[in-house]
Amino acid sequence: MRLVRGILLASAVTFAPASGAQTNGFYAGLGGGYLDLGQDSGDIAAAAAAAGLGGRVTALDDKDFGWKIFGGYQFNIYFAAEFGYTDLGEASATFAATTPSAAIVNVEADGTALSGSIVGTYPLNRDLGLFGRFGAAYWDVDGTGSAVVGGSSASVEADDDGIDLLFGLGARYSLTPKLGLRLEWEHYRGVGDDASGTDGGIDFFGGSLMYRF
């Protein structure tokens, strides 16, 4: 019987929440990581062709560093509601137009997102857990474009925004009852504009430090 009691006690300790950690309450955090902005040179060229421009994309940079701040409320060890602000980095492209006239078009765009999501956690032991999130993000993209035709140049600014799905997966580790680390992947769906060929999904791979109040 002592062996059985020992096994049950060990199991209870293994699958309990982090020692002394809060199972509910407010938390906040700050993180950063790698962004893949999901742009495709073929989509940009197709959008240019639809606007009457012939040519090709000669340069495309859609990788960047992003950061985020977030806060939420942990209802229990399994569920939390979370809100965040994410800097979605910057993408740039160069299009060499050949028709109706020769021109070089440079485009840059940077984005941000405000998000809300439900976070579900599966505890693996006292300190480690896996989680998934599902929610929505309001995104805003500011773009600038400049064209050089012969010896003349012109520039234009554009702004686009929208609301679309947000989802992700990750793992969290409790360093102390108050302090924790998270590693995660988030996907922001449908950020950008169909007409410009920039409607793509953004992937964020990052880590963050969180504090429980």
Protein backbone atom coordinates (compact mmCIF):
# COMPACT_ATOMS: atom_id res chain seq x y z
CA MET A 1 0.00 0.00 0.00
CA ARG A 2 2.88 2.37 0.72
CA LEU A 3 4.15 1.75 -2.82
CA VAL A 4 0.72 2.61 -4.28
CA ARG A 5 0.50 5.77 -2.17
CA GLY A 6 4.00 6.75 -3.32
CA ILE A 7 3.10 6.31 -6.99
CA LEU A 8 -0.09 8.35 -6.58
CA LEU A 9 1.78 11.11 -4.77
CA ALA A 10 4.50 11.23 -7.44
CA SER A 11 1.85 11.43 -10.18
CA ALA A 12 0.04 14.25 -8.41
CA VAL A 13 3.27 16.24 -8.10
CA THR A 14 4.27 15.62 -11.74
CA PHE A 15 1.02 16.84 -13.24
CA ALA A 16 0.33 19.67 -10.81
CA PRO A 17 0.70 23.32 -11.84
CA ALA A 18 4.07 24.99 -11.30
CA SER A 19 5.01 24.99 -7.64
CA GLY A 20 3.50 28.09 -6.10
CA ALA A 21 2.38 29.35 -9.54
CA GLN A 22 -0.94 31.13 -9.90
CA THR A 23 -3.62 29.23 -11.78
CA ASN A 24 -5.63 32.39 -12.42
CA GLY A 25 -5.05 36.11 -12.62
CA PHE A 26 -3.62 38.77 -14.90
CA TYR A 27 -0.34 38.52 -16.79
CA ALA A 28 1.68 40.58 -19.30
CA GLY A 29 4.70 40.03 -21.50
CA LEU A 30 7.12 41.21 -24.15
CA GLY A 31 8.62 39.20 -27.01
CA GLY A 32 10.32 39.27 -30.37
CA GLY A 33 11.29 37.01 -33.23
CA TYR A 34 11.56 36.20 -36.93
CA LEU A 35 8.88 37.24 -39.43
CA ASP A 36 8.09 35.65 -42.78
CA LEU A 37 5.76 38.15 -44.46
CA GLY A 38 4.54 35.67 -47.06
CA GLN A 39 5.00 37.77 -50.19
CA ASP A 40 5.34 36.15 -53.62
CA SER A 41 6.99 37.75 -56.66
CA GLY A 42 4.60 35.94 -59.01
CA ASP A 43 1.54 37.45 -57.26
CA ILE A 44 3.06 40.94 -57.44
CA ALA A 45 3.85 40.54 -61.17
CA ALA A 46 0.31 39.27 -61.82
CA ALA A 47 -1.19 42.27 -60.02
CA ALA A 48 1.03 44.60 -62.06
CA ALA A 49 -0.09 42.90 -65.28
CA ALA A 50 -3.74 43.33 -64.25
CA ALA A 51 -3.03 47.05 -63.87
CA GLY A 52 -1.52 47.20 -67.38
CA LEU A 53 2.17 47.00 -66.48
CA GLY A 54 4.46 44.48 -68.10
CA GLY A 55 7.76 43.51 -66.51
CA ARG A 56 9.17 41.46 -63.64
CA VAL A 57 10.06 41.64 -59.96
CA THR A 58 13.84 42.04 -59.69
CA ALA A 59 14.13 42.14 -55.89
CA LEU A 60 11.94 41.02 -52.98
CA ASP A 61 12.67 41.12 -49.25
CA ASP A 62 9.87 39.72 -47.09
CA LYS A 63 11.83 38.58 -44.01
CA ASP A 64 12.23 40.79 -40.97
CA PHE A 65 12.37 41.00 -37.16
CA GLY A 66 9.14 41.68 -35.29
CA TRP A 67 8.18 42.32 -31.67
CA LYS A 68 5.04 42.15 -29.56
CA ILE A 69 3.57 43.18 -26.23
CA PHE A 70 0.64 41.32 -24.72
CA GLY A 71 -1.54 40.96 -21.68
CA GLY A 72 -4.27 38.62 -20.58
CA TYR A 73 -6.22 36.90 -17.87
CA GLN A 74 -5.68 33.25 -16.90
CA PHE A 75 -9.05 31.73 -15.93
CA ASN A 76 -7.55 28.40 -14.82
CA ILE A 77 -4.59 26.17 -15.77
CA TYR A 78 -6.24 25.40 -19.12
CA PHE A 79 -7.70 28.61 -20.54
CA ALA A 80 -6.80 32.31 -20.86
CA ALA A 81 -7.98 35.32 -22.85
CA GLU A 82 -5.18 37.42 -24.35
CA PHE A 83 -4.81 40.73 -26.18
CA GLY A 84 -1.70 41.96 -27.95
CA TYR A 85 0.01 44.47 -30.20
CA THR A 86 2.48 43.14 -32.79
CA ASP A 87 4.89 45.00 -35.02
CA LEU A 88 4.75 43.04 -38.30
CA GLY A 89 8.00 44.34 -39.77
CA GLU A 90 8.65 45.67 -43.25
CA ALA A 91 8.69 44.21 -46.76
CA SER A 92 10.12 45.74 -49.92
CA ALA A 93 10.06 44.92 -53.63
CA THR A 94 11.46 46.32 -56.86
CA PHE A 95 9.53 45.94 -60.15
CA ALA A 96 11.20 46.62 -63.50
CA ALA A 97 8.43 47.68 -65.88
CA THR A 98 8.90 47.31 -69.63
CA THR A 99 5.43 48.32 -70.89
CA PRO A 100 3.77 50.70 -71.50
CA SER A 101 7.13 52.38 -70.81
CA ALA A 102 10.37 51.46 -69.10
CA ALA A 103 10.33 52.28 -65.39
CA ILE A 104 11.69 51.12 -62.05
CA VAL A 105 9.10 50.88 -59.28
CA ASN A 106 10.17 50.49 -55.65
CA VAL A 107 7.61 49.56 -53.01
CA GLU A 108 7.96 49.39 -49.22
CA ALA A 109 5.31 48.46 -46.67
CA ASP A 110 5.23 48.03 -42.91
CA GLY A 111 2.45 46.63 -40.78
CA THR A 112 1.07 46.30 -37.26
CA ALA A 113 -1.67 44.21 -35.69
CA LEU A 114 -3.98 44.40 -32.68
CA SER A 115 -5.17 40.95 -31.69
CA GLY A 116 -7.47 39.10 -29.33
CA SER A 117 -7.40 35.35 -28.82
CA ILE A 118 -8.29 32.43 -26.57
CA VAL A 119 -5.24 30.48 -25.37
CA GLY A 120 -5.69 26.84 -24.38
CA THR A 121 -2.90 25.13 -22.42
CA TYR A 122 -2.15 21.45 -21.81
CA PRO A 123 0.16 21.09 -18.76
CA LEU A 124 2.86 18.42 -19.20
CA ASN A 125 4.27 18.76 -15.67
CA ARG A 126 4.68 21.36 -12.92
CA ASP A 127 6.62 23.79 -15.10
CA LEU A 128 6.11 22.89 -18.75
CA GLY A 129 3.02 23.12 -20.93
CA LEU A 130 1.92 23.20 -24.57
CA PHE A 131 -0.59 25.75 -25.81
CA GLY A 132 -2.58 26.77 -28.85
CA ARG A 133 -4.32 30.02 -29.67
CA PHE A 134 -7.24 31.02 -31.88
CA GLY A 135 -8.57 34.50 -32.44
CA ALA A 136 -8.64 37.49 -34.75
CA ALA A 137 -6.33 40.39 -35.58
CA TYR A 138 -7.00 43.88 -36.86
CA TRP A 139 -4.05 44.68 -39.12
CA ASP A 140 -2.90 47.93 -40.67
CA VAL A 141 -0.37 48.24 -43.51
CA ASP A 142 1.25 51.52 -44.60
CA GLY A 143 2.93 51.47 -48.00
CA THR A 144 5.01 53.85 -50.10
CA GLY A 145 5.86 53.50 -53.77
CA SER A 146 8.22 55.39 -56.01
CA ALA A 147 8.66 55.15 -59.77
CA VAL A 148 11.54 56.38 -61.91
CA VAL A 149 10.71 56.93 -65.59
CA GLY A 150 13.54 58.40 -67.62
CA GLY A 151 14.80 61.33 -65.60
CA SER A 152 11.56 61.90 -63.72
CA SER A 153 10.35 60.35 -60.48
CA ALA A 154 7.08 60.23 -58.63
CA SER A 155 5.92 58.73 -55.33
CA VAL A 156 2.64 57.67 -53.79
CA GLU A 157 1.49 56.52 -50.35
CA ALA A 158 -1.23 53.98 -49.58
CA ASP A 159 -2.84 52.55 -46.46
CA ASP A 160 -4.78 49.32 -46.09
CA ASP A 161 -6.37 47.56 -43.12
CA GLY A 162 -8.63 44.67 -42.28
CA ILE A 163 -9.60 41.96 -39.82
CA ASP A 164 -8.72 38.28 -40.25
CA LEU A 165 -7.93 35.11 -38.37
CA LEU A 166 -5.01 34.55 -36.02
CA PHE A 167 -3.89 31.15 -34.76
CA GLY A 168 -0.76 29.54 -33.38
CA LEU A 169 1.02 26.91 -31.29
CA GLY A 170 3.71 27.06 -28.64
CA ALA A 171 5.24 25.93 -25.38
CA ARG A 172 5.62 27.73 -22.08
CA TYR A 173 7.98 27.16 -19.15
CA SER A 174 7.61 28.57 -15.63
CA LEU A 175 10.91 29.89 -14.27
CA THR A 176 9.33 31.01 -10.99
CA PRO A 177 5.74 31.32 -9.74
CA LYS A 178 5.71 34.83 -11.28
CA LEU A 179 8.03 34.61 -14.28
CA GLY A 180 7.75 32.44 -17.39
CA LEU A 181 9.13 31.90 -20.90
CA ARG A 182 7.20 31.15 -24.09
CA LEU A 183 8.27 29.91 -27.52
CA GLU A 184 5.61 30.10 -30.20
CA TRP A 185 4.51 30.26 -33.82
CA GLU A 186 1.70 32.61 -34.82
CA HIS A 187 0.01 32.94 -38.20
CA TYR A 188 -1.73 36.16 -39.25
CA ARG A 189 -3.98 35.27 -42.15
CA GLY A 190 -4.81 37.47 -45.14
CA VAL A 191 -2.68 40.54 -44.39
CA GLY A 192 -2.40 42.86 -47.40
CA ASP A 193 -4.25 43.75 -50.57
CA ASP A 194 -5.37 41.43 -53.39
CA ALA A 195 -5.15 44.21 -55.98
CA SER A 196 -1.44 44.76 -55.30
CA GLY A 197 -0.61 41.06 -55.04
CA THR A 198 0.42 41.42 -51.39
CA ASP A 199 -2.45 39.49 -49.79
CA GLY A 200 -0.55 36.85 -47.84
CA GLY A 201 -0.20 35.13 -44.50
CA ILE A 202 2.42 36.33 -42.03
CA ASP A 203 4.28 33.80 -39.87
CA PHE A 204 5.87 34.91 -36.60
CA PHE A 205 8.38 32.61 -34.87
CA GLY A 206 9.43 34.06 -31.55
CA GLY A 207 10.02 33.93 -27.83
CA SER A 208 8.70 36.04 -25.00
CA LEU A 209 9.06 36.71 -21.31
CA MET A 210 5.86 36.90 -19.29
CA TYR A 211 5.05 38.09 -15.77
CA ARG A 212 2.07 36.98 -13.66
CA PHE A 213 0.60 39.61 -11.37
